[in-house]
Amino acid sequence: MRCGAVLLVVPRGVVPRRHYGYAAIAMAFALWALVQAPVSEVRRRVCAWRTSHEMRWPTLARWARATHDEIGDASMTLVAAAARVAQVAIGRAPPHLRHAERWAQAFAGGAAMP
């Protein structure tokens, strides 16, 4: 009898059902929600794929919506939910990065996330 199960092994830090890891998502959230960089700048710095639609990046909003839904606070905006995740990632950054830019701390902290 066969079970038909598939086991997928990926490196630590890869987010389930996403093309990006926790580090990249935390960095994107920090740039967008904390540094207040425009979406086009966040995409330029984080996105691995270049398209003719560089001004938009619906993936960022999808990540924020998923985060917002997971937090479960209906009064919180998507930007506030993204900021919360970025701040948690910054809190996990190594102490020697304490004076680095917030997006760099978020990247390092995101790399330490599950």
C-alpha atoms as a PDB file:
ATOM      1  CA  MET A   1       0.000   0.000   0.000  1.00  0.00           C
ATOM      2  CA  ARG A   2       1.316   3.475  -0.877  1.00  0.00           C
ATOM      3  CA  CYS A   3       0.662   6.616   1.124  1.00  0.00           C
ATOM      4  CA  GLY A   4       1.370   9.119  -1.669  1.00  0.00           C
ATOM      5  CA  ALA A   5       2.992  11.594   0.741  1.00  0.00           C
ATOM      6  CA  VAL A   6       5.636  14.009  -0.445  1.00  0.00           C
ATOM      7  CA  LEU A   7       8.350  15.267   1.863  1.00  0.00           C
ATOM      8  CA  LEU A   8       9.985  18.544   0.894  1.00  0.00           C
ATOM      9  CA  VAL A   9      13.174  19.523   2.670  1.00  0.00           C
ATOM     10  CA  VAL A  10      14.241  23.151   2.343  1.00  0.00           C
ATOM     11  CA  PRO A  11      16.868  25.263   4.073  1.00  0.00           C
ATOM     12  CA  ARG A  12      16.050  26.844   7.422  1.00  0.00           C
ATOM     13  CA  GLY A  13      14.359  30.198   7.045  1.00  0.00           C
ATOM     14  CA  VAL A  14      12.328  29.409   3.931  1.00  0.00           C
ATOM     15  CA  VAL A  15       8.723  30.463   4.492  1.00  0.00           C
ATOM     16  CA  PRO A  16       6.134  27.808   3.632  1.00  0.00           C
ATOM     17  CA  ARG A  17       4.273  28.551   0.377  1.00  0.00           C
ATOM     18  CA  ARG A  18       6.408  31.634  -0.368  1.00  0.00           C
ATOM     19  CA  HIS A  19       9.270  32.263  -2.801  1.00  0.00           C
ATOM     20  CA  TYR A  20      11.167  34.200  -0.138  1.00  0.00           C
ATOM     21  CA  GLY A  21      12.671  33.480   3.235  1.00  0.00           C
ATOM     22  CA  TYR A  22      11.940  35.130   6.566  1.00  0.00           C
ATOM     23  CA  ALA A  23      15.021  37.347   6.191  1.00  0.00           C
ATOM     24  CA  ALA A  24      13.865  38.879   2.886  1.00  0.00           C
ATOM     25  CA  ILE A  25      10.292  39.356   4.112  1.00  0.00           C
ATOM     26  CA  ALA A  26      11.457  40.989   7.350  1.00  0.00           C
ATOM     27  CA  MET A  27      13.752  43.290   5.360  1.00  0.00           C
ATOM     28  CA  ALA A  28      10.925  44.231   2.984  1.00  0.00           C
ATOM     29  CA  PHE A  29       8.606  44.975   5.914  1.00  0.00           C
ATOM     30  CA  ALA A  30      11.269  47.100   7.629  1.00  0.00           C
ATOM     31  CA  LEU A  31      11.926  49.100   4.468  1.00  0.00           C
ATOM     32  CA  TRP A  32       8.212  49.606   3.810  1.00  0.00           C
ATOM     33  CA  ALA A  33       6.727  50.033   7.280  1.00  0.00           C
ATOM     34  CA  LEU A  34       9.596  51.414   9.379  1.00  0.00           C
ATOM     35  CA  VAL A  35      11.865  53.241   6.941  1.00  0.00           C
ATOM     36  CA  GLN A  36       8.808  54.217   4.836  1.00  0.00           C
ATOM     37  CA  ALA A  37      10.528  53.525   1.539  1.00  0.00           C
ATOM     38  CA  PRO A  38       8.195  53.527  -1.472  1.00  0.00           C
ATOM     39  CA  VAL A  39       7.017  50.138  -2.712  1.00  0.00           C
ATOM     40  CA  SER A  40       9.076  50.566  -5.885  1.00  0.00           C
ATOM     41  CA  GLU A  41      12.249  50.958  -3.787  1.00  0.00           C
ATOM     42  CA  VAL A  42      11.361  47.963  -1.601  1.00  0.00           C
ATOM     43  CA  ARG A  43      10.805  45.871  -4.709  1.00  0.00           C
ATOM     44  CA  ARG A  44      14.079  47.024  -6.273  1.00  0.00           C
ATOM     45  CA  ARG A  45      16.031  46.023  -3.159  1.00  0.00           C
ATOM     46  CA  VAL A  46      14.274  42.749  -2.312  1.00  0.00           C
ATOM     47  CA  CYS A  47      12.619  41.247  -5.399  1.00  0.00           C
ATOM     48  CA  ALA A  48      14.677  38.736  -7.341  1.00  0.00           C
ATOM     49  CA  TRP A  49      12.653  39.174 -10.548  1.00  0.00           C
ATOM     50  CA  ARG A  50      12.607  42.269 -12.716  1.00  0.00           C
ATOM     51  CA  THR A  51       9.508  43.129 -14.727  1.00  0.00           C
ATOM     52  CA  SER A  52       8.124  46.070 -16.644  1.00  0.00           C
ATOM     53  CA  HIS A  53       5.842  46.824 -13.665  1.00  0.00           C
ATOM     54  CA  GLU A  54       8.536  48.013 -11.261  1.00  0.00           C
ATOM     55  CA  MET A  55       6.270  50.567  -9.523  1.00  0.00           C
ATOM     56  CA  ARG A  56       3.943  47.893  -8.102  1.00  0.00           C
ATOM     57  CA  TRP A  57       4.619  44.804  -6.045  1.00  0.00           C
ATOM     58  CA  PRO A  58       1.429  42.981  -5.021  1.00  0.00           C
ATOM     59  CA  THR A  59       3.499  40.373  -3.194  1.00  0.00           C
ATOM     60  CA  LEU A  60       4.321  42.895  -0.458  1.00  0.00           C
ATOM     61  CA  ALA A  61       0.623  43.529   0.173  1.00  0.00           C
ATOM     62  CA  ARG A  62      -0.070  39.760   0.174  1.00  0.00           C
ATOM     63  CA  TRP A  63       2.616  39.208   2.799  1.00  0.00           C
ATOM     64  CA  ALA A  64       1.235  42.068   4.887  1.00  0.00           C
ATOM     65  CA  ARG A  65      -2.332  40.761   4.551  1.00  0.00           C
ATOM     66  CA  ALA A  66      -1.264  37.269   5.643  1.00  0.00           C
ATOM     67  CA  THR A  67       0.575  38.782   8.607  1.00  0.00           C
ATOM     68  CA  HIS A  68      -2.412  40.963   9.473  1.00  0.00           C
ATOM     69  CA  ASP A  69      -4.751  37.963   9.370  1.00  0.00           C
ATOM     70  CA  GLU A  70      -2.381  35.944  11.546  1.00  0.00           C
ATOM     71  CA  ILE A  71      -2.206  38.717  14.158  1.00  0.00           C
ATOM     72  CA  GLY A  72      -5.994  38.884  14.159  1.00  0.00           C
ATOM     73  CA  ASP A  73      -6.393  42.557  15.125  1.00  0.00           C
ATOM     74  CA  ALA A  74      -9.012  44.005  12.760  1.00  0.00           C
ATOM     75  CA  SER A  75      -8.192  47.566  13.809  1.00  0.00           C
ATOM     76  CA  MET A  76      -4.543  47.220  12.749  1.00  0.00           C
ATOM     77  CA  THR A  77      -3.498  48.437   9.303  1.00  0.00           C
ATOM     78  CA  LEU A  78      -1.398  46.340   6.945  1.00  0.00           C
ATOM     79  CA  VAL A  79       1.522  48.712   7.462  1.00  0.00           C
ATOM     80  CA  ALA A  80       1.203  48.379  11.249  1.00  0.00           C
ATOM     81  CA  ALA A  81       1.167  44.568  10.953  1.00  0.00           C
ATOM     82  CA  ALA A  82       4.279  44.702   8.750  1.00  0.00           C
ATOM     83  CA  ALA A  83       5.962  47.045  11.235  1.00  0.00           C
ATOM     84  CA  ARG A  84       5.249  44.624  14.073  1.00  0.00           C
ATOM     85  CA  VAL A  85       6.902  41.750  12.202  1.00  0.00           C
ATOM     86  CA  ALA A  86       9.882  43.940  11.302  1.00  0.00           C
ATOM     87  CA  GLN A  87      10.286  44.966  14.947  1.00  0.00           C
ATOM     88  CA  VAL A  88      10.170  41.351  16.110  1.00  0.00           C
ATOM     89  CA  ALA A  89      12.854  40.489  13.548  1.00  0.00           C
ATOM     90  CA  ILE A  90      14.977  43.446  14.680  1.00  0.00           C
ATOM     91  CA  GLY A  91      14.686  42.136  18.228  1.00  0.00           C
ATOM     92  CA  ARG A  92      16.209  38.845  17.069  1.00  0.00           C
ATOM     93  CA  ALA A  93      19.171  40.481  15.336  1.00  0.00           C
ATOM     94  CA  PRO A  94      22.612  39.837  16.815  1.00  0.00           C
ATOM     95  CA  PRO A  95      23.736  42.484  19.333  1.00  0.00           C
ATOM     96  CA  HIS A  96      26.726  43.533  17.207  1.00  0.00           C
ATOM     97  CA  LEU A  97      24.240  44.925  14.634  1.00  0.00           C
ATOM     98  CA  ARG A  98      22.577  47.229  17.165  1.00  0.00           C
ATOM     99  CA  HIS A  99      23.814  50.334  15.331  1.00  0.00           C
ATOM    100  CA  ALA A 100      23.135  49.041  11.806  1.00  0.00           C
ATOM    101  CA  GLU A 101      20.241  50.329   9.738  1.00  0.00           C
ATOM    102  CA  ARG A 102      16.863  48.920  10.735  1.00  0.00           C
ATOM    103  CA  TRP A 103      16.400  47.032   7.475  1.00  0.00           C
ATOM    104  CA  ALA A 104      19.772  45.304   7.975  1.00  0.00           C
ATOM    105  CA  GLN A 105      18.848  44.367  11.536  1.00  0.00           C
ATOM    106  CA  ALA A 106      15.486  43.041  10.310  1.00  0.00           C
ATOM    107  CA  PHE A 107      17.222  40.940   7.653  1.00  0.00           C
ATOM    108  CA  ALA A 108      19.615  39.453  10.193  1.00  0.00           C
ATOM    109  CA  GLY A 109      16.838  38.860  12.712  1.00  0.00           C
ATOM    110  CA  GLY A 110      14.604  37.348  10.045  1.00  0.00           C
ATOM    111  CA  ALA A 111      17.374  34.911   9.185  1.00  0.00           C
ATOM    112  CA  ALA A 112      17.191  33.683  12.779  1.00  0.00           C
ATOM    113  CA  MET A 113      13.432  33.118  12.616  1.00  0.00           C
ATOM    114  CA  PRO A 114      11.986  29.611  12.231  1.00  0.00           C
END
